[in-house]
C-alpha atoms as a PDB file:
ATOM      1  CA  MET A   1       0.008   0.006  -0.005  1.00  0.00           C
ATOM      2  CA  ILE A   2       2.841   2.416   0.789  1.00  0.00           C
ATOM      3  CA  GLY A   3       4.039   2.135  -2.800  1.00  0.00           C
ATOM      4  CA  ASP A   4       0.597   3.125  -4.062  1.00  0.00           C
ATOM      5  CA  VAL A   5       0.493   5.997  -1.598  1.00  0.00           C
ATOM      6  CA  LEU A   6       3.863   7.301  -2.770  1.00  0.00           C
ATOM      7  CA  ASN A   7       2.636   7.091  -6.368  1.00  0.00           C
ATOM      8  CA  LEU A   8      -0.640   8.851  -5.584  1.00  0.00           C
ATOM      9  CA  ASN A   9       0.160  12.009  -7.510  1.00  0.00           C
ATOM     10  CA  PRO A  10       3.508  13.441  -8.674  1.00  0.00           C
ATOM     11  CA  TYR A  11       2.447  16.959  -7.688  1.00  0.00           C
ATOM     12  CA  LEU A  12       2.621  15.936  -4.038  1.00  0.00           C
ATOM     13  CA  TYR A  13       6.393  15.685  -4.348  1.00  0.00           C
ATOM     14  CA  LEU A  14       6.530  19.423  -5.031  1.00  0.00           C
ATOM     15  CA  LEU A  15       5.254  19.986  -1.488  1.00  0.00           C
ATOM     16  CA  ILE A  16       8.484  18.577   0.002  1.00  0.00           C
ATOM     17  CA  PRO A  17      10.909  21.281  -1.241  1.00  0.00           C
ATOM     18  CA  THR A  18       8.178  23.896  -0.753  1.00  0.00           C
ATOM     19  CA  ALA A  19       7.839  22.901   2.895  1.00  0.00           C
ATOM     20  CA  PHE A  20      11.614  22.913   3.338  1.00  0.00           C
ATOM     21  CA  LEU A  21      11.775  26.385   1.796  1.00  0.00           C
ATOM     22  CA  MET A  22       9.006  27.659   4.080  1.00  0.00           C
ATOM     23  CA  GLY A  23      10.716  26.123   7.067  1.00  0.00           C
ATOM     24  CA  SER A  24      13.964  27.817   6.087  1.00  0.00           C
ATOM     25  CA  ILE A  25      12.609  31.360   6.478  1.00  0.00           C
ATOM     26  CA  PRO A  26      14.465  32.744   9.548  1.00  0.00           C
ATOM     27  CA  PHE A  27      11.669  34.727  11.146  1.00  0.00           C
ATOM     28  CA  GLY A  28      13.651  35.215  14.362  1.00  0.00           C
ATOM     29  CA  LEU A  29      16.282  37.048  12.369  1.00  0.00           C
ATOM     30  CA  ILE A  30      13.703  39.018  10.385  1.00  0.00           C
ATOM     31  CA  PHE A  31      11.697  40.194  13.401  1.00  0.00           C
ATOM     32  CA  THR A  32      14.756  41.405  15.326  1.00  0.00           C
ATOM     33  CA  ARG A  33      16.442  43.394  12.573  1.00  0.00           C
ATOM     34  CA  ASN A  34      14.594  46.613  13.383  1.00  0.00           C
ATOM     35  CA  LYS A  35      16.008  46.323  16.910  1.00  0.00           C
ATOM     36  CA  GLY A  36      19.508  46.496  15.502  1.00  0.00           C
ATOM     37  CA  ILE A  37      20.162  42.942  16.678  1.00  0.00           C
ATOM     38  CA  ASP A  38      21.648  39.995  14.858  1.00  0.00           C
ATOM     39  CA  ILE A  39      19.992  37.214  16.808  1.00  0.00           C
ATOM     40  CA  ARG A  40      22.668  34.807  15.564  1.00  0.00           C
ATOM     41  CA  GLU A  41      25.264  36.707  17.585  1.00  0.00           C
ATOM     42  CA  THR A  42      23.173  37.414  20.703  1.00  0.00           C
ATOM     43  CA  GLY A  43      22.374  35.301  23.757  1.00  0.00           C
ATOM     44  CA  SER A  44      22.279  31.636  22.876  1.00  0.00           C
ATOM     45  CA  LYS A  45      22.692  32.591  19.180  1.00  0.00           C
ATOM     46  CA  ASN A  46      19.588  30.565  18.353  1.00  0.00           C
ATOM     47  CA  ILE A  47      16.989  32.038  15.954  1.00  0.00           C
ATOM     48  CA  GLY A  48      14.031  30.704  17.950  1.00  0.00           C
ATOM     49  CA  ALA A  49      11.469  32.595  20.011  1.00  0.00           C
ATOM     50  CA  THR A  50      13.127  31.946  23.385  1.00  0.00           C
ATOM     51  CA  ASN A  51      16.363  33.694  22.410  1.00  0.00           C
ATOM     52  CA  VAL A  52      14.379  36.414  20.646  1.00  0.00           C
ATOM     53  CA  LEU A  53      12.460  37.029  23.881  1.00  0.00           C
ATOM     54  CA  ARG A  54      15.633  37.356  25.917  1.00  0.00           C
ATOM     55  CA  SER A  55      17.418  39.466  23.333  1.00  0.00           C
ATOM     56  CA  ALA A  56      14.734  41.628  21.701  1.00  0.00           C
ATOM     57  CA  GLY A  57      11.608  41.563  23.867  1.00  0.00           C
ATOM     58  CA  LYS A  58       8.077  40.196  23.912  1.00  0.00           C
ATOM     59  CA  MET A  59       6.604  41.395  20.597  1.00  0.00           C
ATOM     60  CA  PRO A  60       9.388  40.069  18.341  1.00  0.00           C
ATOM     61  CA  ALA A  61       9.285  36.825  20.325  1.00  0.00           C
ATOM     62  CA  VAL A  62       5.512  36.443  19.894  1.00  0.00           C
ATOM     63  CA  LEU A  63       5.787  37.151  16.159  1.00  0.00           C
ATOM     64  CA  THR A  64       8.664  34.673  15.825  1.00  0.00           C
ATOM     65  CA  LEU A  65       6.790  31.993  17.759  1.00  0.00           C
ATOM     66  CA  LEU A  66       3.631  32.410  15.644  1.00  0.00           C
ATOM     67  CA  ALA A  67       5.545  32.490  12.351  1.00  0.00           C
ATOM     68  CA  ASP A  68       7.660  29.442  13.242  1.00  0.00           C
ATOM     69  CA  PHE A  69       4.483  27.594  14.263  1.00  0.00           C
ATOM     70  CA  LEU A  70       2.823  28.436  10.945  1.00  0.00           C
ATOM     71  CA  LYS A  71       5.891  27.227   9.018  1.00  0.00           C
ATOM     72  CA  GLY A  72       4.989  23.745  10.219  1.00  0.00           C
ATOM     73  CA  ALA A  73       1.225  23.999  10.277  1.00  0.00           C
ATOM     74  CA  VAL A  74       0.524  25.500   6.856  1.00  0.00           C
ATOM     75  CA  PRO A  75       2.407  22.974   4.668  1.00  0.00           C
ATOM     76  CA  VAL A  76       0.831  20.029   6.524  1.00  0.00           C
ATOM     77  CA  PHE A  77      -2.629  21.579   6.220  1.00  0.00           C
ATOM     78  CA  ILE A  78      -2.198  22.154   2.485  1.00  0.00           C
ATOM     79  CA  THR A  79      -0.954  18.576   2.105  1.00  0.00           C
ATOM     80  CA  GLY A  80      -3.999  17.257   3.930  1.00  0.00           C
ATOM     81  CA  VAL A  81      -6.373  19.177   1.667  1.00  0.00           C
ATOM     82  CA  MET A  82      -4.591  17.987  -1.478  1.00  0.00           C
ATOM     83  CA  VAL A  83      -4.521  14.348  -0.375  1.00  0.00           C
ATOM     84  CA  GLU A  84      -8.181  14.460   0.609  1.00  0.00           C
ATOM     85  CA  THR A  85      -9.108  15.899  -2.779  1.00  0.00           C
ATOM     86  CA  MET A  86      -7.063  13.283  -4.638  1.00  0.00           C
ATOM     87  CA  THR A  87      -8.472  10.309  -2.729  1.00  0.00           C
ATOM     88  CA  ALA A  88     -12.024  11.336  -1.858  1.00  0.00           C
ATOM     89  CA  HIS A  89     -13.901   9.454  -4.585  1.00  0.00           C
ATOM     90  CA  SER A  90     -11.622   6.648  -5.626  1.00  0.00           C
ATOM     91  CA  GLN A  91      -9.981   4.889  -2.641  1.00  0.00           C
ATOM     92  CA  THR A  92     -10.770   2.901   0.490  1.00  0.00           C
ATOM     93  CA  PRO A  93     -10.888   4.646   3.913  1.00  0.00           C
ATOM     94  CA  GLU A  94      -7.705   2.813   4.938  1.00  0.00           C
ATOM     95  CA  PHE A  95      -5.858   4.081   1.867  1.00  0.00           C
ATOM     96  CA  ILE A  96      -7.004   7.638   2.576  1.00  0.00           C
ATOM     97  CA  ILE A  97      -5.796   7.474   6.202  1.00  0.00           C
ATOM     98  CA  VAL A  98      -2.404   6.031   5.239  1.00  0.00           C
ATOM     99  CA  SER A  99      -2.050   8.639   2.474  1.00  0.00           C
ATOM    100  CA  GLN A 100      -2.743  11.460   4.904  1.00  0.00           C
ATOM    101  CA  ASP A 101      -0.288  10.025   7.423  1.00  0.00           C
ATOM    102  CA  VAL A 102       2.513   9.407   4.940  1.00  0.00           C
ATOM    103  CA  TRP A 103       2.336  12.660   3.009  1.00  0.00           C
ATOM    104  CA  GLY A 104       1.530  14.825   6.031  1.00  0.00           C
ATOM    105  CA  GLY A 105       4.444  13.280   7.876  1.00  0.00           C
ATOM    106  CA  ILE A 106       6.928  13.669   5.038  1.00  0.00           C
ATOM    107  CA  VAL A 107       5.972  17.284   4.395  1.00  0.00           C
ATOM    108  CA  GLY A 108       5.992  18.061   8.129  1.00  0.00           C
ATOM    109  CA  LEU A 109       9.503  16.612   8.497  1.00  0.00           C
ATOM    110  CA  ALA A 110      10.623  18.704   5.529  1.00  0.00           C
ATOM    111  CA  ALA A 111       9.364  21.884   7.207  1.00  0.00           C
ATOM    112  CA  VAL A 112      11.123  21.052  10.481  1.00  0.00           C
ATOM    113  CA  LEU A 113      14.356  20.205   8.671  1.00  0.00           C
ATOM    114  CA  GLY A 114      14.102  23.485   6.778  1.00  0.00           C
ATOM    115  CA  HIS A 115      13.912  25.340  10.087  1.00  0.00           C
ATOM    116  CA  MET A 116      16.864  23.425  11.483  1.00  0.00           C
ATOM    117  CA  PHE A 117      19.017  23.715   8.361  1.00  0.00           C
ATOM    118  CA  SER A 118      17.905  26.924   6.704  1.00  0.00           C
ATOM    119  CA  ILE A 119      19.133  27.489   3.165  1.00  0.00           C
ATOM    120  CA  PHE A 120      19.157  31.226   3.998  1.00  0.00           C
ATOM    121  CA  LEU A 121      21.558  30.700   6.903  1.00  0.00           C
ATOM    122  CA  LYS A 122      24.100  28.376   5.293  1.00  0.00           C
ATOM    123  CA  PHE A 123      22.166  25.353   6.563  1.00  0.00           C
ATOM    124  CA  ARG A 124      22.140  26.506  10.162  1.00  0.00           C
ATOM    125  CA  GLY A 125      18.949  27.201  12.062  1.00  0.00           C
ATOM    126  CA  GLY A 126      16.809  26.671  15.111  1.00  0.00           C
ATOM    127  CA  LYS A 127      15.818  23.800  17.386  1.00  0.00           C
ATOM    128  CA  GLY A 128      12.503  23.006  15.697  1.00  0.00           C
ATOM    129  CA  VAL A 129      10.134  23.004  18.675  1.00  0.00           C
ATOM    130  CA  ALA A 130       7.658  25.646  17.497  1.00  0.00           C
ATOM    131  CA  THR A 131       7.737  24.413  13.899  1.00  0.00           C
ATOM    132  CA  GLY A 132       7.425  20.824  15.069  1.00  0.00           C
ATOM    133  CA  PHE A 133       4.442  21.720  17.201  1.00  0.00           C
ATOM    134  CA  GLY A 134       2.848  23.409  14.193  1.00  0.00           C
ATOM    135  CA  VAL A 135       3.283  20.167  12.297  1.00  0.00           C
ATOM    136  CA  VAL A 136       1.841  17.977  15.054  1.00  0.00           C
ATOM    137  CA  ILE A 137      -1.171  20.170  15.860  1.00  0.00           C
ATOM    138  CA  VAL A 138      -2.390  19.823  12.263  1.00  0.00           C
ATOM    139  CA  TYR A 139      -1.103  16.284  11.695  1.00  0.00           C
ATOM    140  CA  SER A 140      -2.624  14.969  14.953  1.00  0.00           C
ATOM    141  CA  PRO A 141      -4.607  17.625  16.860  1.00  0.00           C
ATOM    142  CA  VAL A 142      -5.282  15.541  19.986  1.00  0.00           C
ATOM    143  CA  CYS A 143      -1.642  14.530  20.221  1.00  0.00           C
ATOM    144  CA  GLY A 144      -0.627  18.159  19.696  1.00  0.00           C
ATOM    145  CA  ILE A 145      -2.738  19.322  22.615  1.00  0.00           C
ATOM    146  CA  ILE A 146      -1.306  16.584  24.863  1.00  0.00           C
ATOM    147  CA  ILE A 147       2.321  17.446  24.122  1.00  0.00           C
ATOM    148  CA  LEU A 148       1.540  21.138  24.568  1.00  0.00           C
ATOM    149  CA  LEU A 149       0.227  20.359  28.055  1.00  0.00           C
ATOM    150  CA  VAL A 150       3.376  18.338  28.759  1.00  0.00           C
ATOM    151  CA  TRP A 151       5.499  21.281  27.620  1.00  0.00           C
ATOM    152  CA  ILE A 152       3.588  23.731  29.808  1.00  0.00           C
ATOM    153  CA  ALA A 153       3.771  21.461  32.866  1.00  0.00           C
ATOM    154  CA  VAL A 154       7.487  20.738  32.514  1.00  0.00           C
ATOM    155  CA  VAL A 155       8.393  24.382  31.892  1.00  0.00           C
ATOM    156  CA  ALA A 156       6.262  25.506  34.833  1.00  0.00           C
ATOM    157  CA  ILE A 157       8.007  23.046  37.143  1.00  0.00           C
ATOM    158  CA  SER A 158      11.583  23.276  35.859  1.00  0.00           C
ATOM    159  CA  ARG A 159      11.619  26.856  34.540  1.00  0.00           C
ATOM    160  CA  TYR A 160      13.674  25.597  31.612  1.00  0.00           C
ATOM    161  CA  VAL A 161      12.150  26.062  28.158  1.00  0.00           C
ATOM    162  CA  SER A 162      14.622  23.581  26.689  1.00  0.00           C
ATOM    163  CA  VAL A 163      13.611  20.866  29.148  1.00  0.00           C
ATOM    164  CA  GLY A 164       9.976  21.425  28.252  1.00  0.00           C
ATOM    165  CA  GLY A 165      10.753  21.048  24.567  1.00  0.00           C
ATOM    166  CA  ILE A 166      12.783  17.895  25.044  1.00  0.00           C
ATOM    167  CA  ALA A 167      10.158  16.356  27.318  1.00  0.00           C
ATOM    168  CA  ALA A 168       7.308  17.198  24.942  1.00  0.00           C
ATOM    169  CA  VAL A 169       8.932  15.627  21.871  1.00  0.00           C
ATOM    170  CA  SER A 170      10.209  12.653  23.867  1.00  0.00           C
ATOM    171  CA  VAL A 171       6.667  11.592  24.806  1.00  0.00           C
ATOM    172  CA  LEU A 172       5.378  12.119  21.248  1.00  0.00           C
ATOM    173  CA  PRO A 173       5.885   8.492  20.086  1.00  0.00           C
ATOM    174  CA  LEU A 174       4.398   7.194  23.335  1.00  0.00           C
ATOM    175  CA  VAL A 175       1.318   9.396  22.917  1.00  0.00           C
ATOM    176  CA  TYR A 176       0.862   8.042  19.422  1.00  0.00           C
ATOM    177  CA  LEU A 177       1.081   4.496  20.777  1.00  0.00           C
ATOM    178  CA  LEU A 178      -1.486   5.221  23.482  1.00  0.00           C
ATOM    179  CA  LEU A 179      -3.806   6.819  20.937  1.00  0.00           C
ATOM    180  CA  GLU A 180      -3.430   3.724  18.728  1.00  0.00           C
ATOM    181  CA  ALA A 181      -2.113   5.752  15.819  1.00  0.00           C
ATOM    182  CA  THR A 182      -0.887   4.130  12.630  1.00  0.00           C
ATOM    183  CA  MET A 183       2.680   2.816  12.462  1.00  0.00           C
ATOM    184  CA  VAL A 184       3.429   5.623  10.004  1.00  0.00           C
ATOM    185  CA  LYS A 185       2.546   8.245  12.587  1.00  0.00           C
ATOM    186  CA  ILE A 186       4.577   6.477  15.272  1.00  0.00           C
ATOM    187  CA  ILE A 187       7.607   6.462  12.979  1.00  0.00           C
ATOM    188  CA  ILE A 188       7.123  10.141  12.177  1.00  0.00           C
ATOM    189  CA  GLY A 189       6.822  10.826  15.923  1.00  0.00           C
ATOM    190  CA  VAL A 190      10.099   8.998  16.597  1.00  0.00           C
ATOM    191  CA  MET A 191      11.866  10.921  13.840  1.00  0.00           C
ATOM    192  CA  LEU A 192      10.638  14.265  15.134  1.00  0.00           C
ATOM    193  CA  ALA A 193      11.642  13.346  18.687  1.00  0.00           C
ATOM    194  CA  VAL A 194      15.148  12.302  17.616  1.00  0.00           C
ATOM    195  CA  LEU A 195      15.715  15.333  15.395  1.00  0.00           C
ATOM    196  CA  ILE A 196      14.558  17.898  17.952  1.00  0.00           C
ATOM    197  CA  THR A 197      16.367  16.244  20.845  1.00  0.00           C
ATOM    198  CA  LEU A 198      19.623  16.150  18.865  1.00  0.00           C
ATOM    199  CA  ARG A 199      19.223  19.847  18.098  1.00  0.00           C
ATOM    200  CA  HIS A 200      19.067  20.420  21.859  1.00  0.00           C
ATOM    201  CA  SER A 201      22.463  18.801  22.459  1.00  0.00           C
ATOM    202  CA  SER A 202      24.011  22.134  23.491  1.00  0.00           C
ATOM    203  CA  ASN A 203      21.158  22.738  25.931  1.00  0.00           C
ATOM    204  CA  ILE A 204      21.652  19.275  27.409  1.00  0.00           C
ATOM    205  CA  LYS A 205      25.354  20.032  27.918  1.00  0.00           C
ATOM    206  CA  ASN A 206      24.448  23.350  29.583  1.00  0.00           C
ATOM    207  CA  LEU A 207      21.940  21.618  31.846  1.00  0.00           C
ATOM    208  CA  ILE A 208      24.574  19.138  32.956  1.00  0.00           C
ATOM    209  CA  ALA A 209      27.037  21.971  33.544  1.00  0.00           C
ATOM    210  CA  GLY A 210      24.435  24.055  35.364  1.00  0.00           C
ATOM    211  CA  THR A 211      24.738  26.957  32.919  1.00  0.00           C
ATOM    212  CA  GLU A 212      21.385  26.679  31.083  1.00  0.00           C
ATOM    213  CA  SER A 213      19.282  29.840  31.344  1.00  0.00           C
ATOM    214  CA  LYS A 214      15.931  29.642  33.109  1.00  0.00           C
ATOM    215  CA  ILE A 215      12.820  31.646  32.263  1.00  0.00           C
ATOM    216  CA  GLY A 216      13.454  35.246  33.268  1.00  0.00           C
ATOM    217  CA  GLY A 217      17.211  34.835  33.060  1.00  0.00           C
ATOM    218  CA  LYS A 218      19.555  36.473  30.623  1.00  0.00           C
END
């Protein structure tokens, strides 16, 4: 069945580089320019909303968070609409579900990878939490809400944004298992968890060394 899904329509393959390109847009850098700040050289040097908040203030951080979220959400939403249109009148319900899971997952991963390895920043980028959450909230809304609650709870207790992000993505595959998701979604969940956790390697080192910044710190 996977072979048939991958051969569903050649136009779907255009969504992969499009998602990567969207993910590559460095909104953290864009929204801090009018502050006279190069976010790549400030604070943790990460282009994500947390460093933007510490370095440039609340409004640029909110805009960065929203834009990074949409970088993941919009491509997956468009993919879902296209797959639904292509399969609505000609395939079995199982084929439709697998098609949505496969193509939504591939496009979502492309968006996250674009954020992490931006073509506009010489293949450097952010950690992928906000973009990854944008992917998951459209790809699996219930799962997205659960991992958001995990993130909120862990950040509230630990006061570390990085710990919240790592915890949230780490439970993603488990949540999919508990929700009896398809194997495709579980695999996508594992891949997202591994990618985002690896991008937090510097944060993990800082946590071990006791130098990681908490909420409210500089």
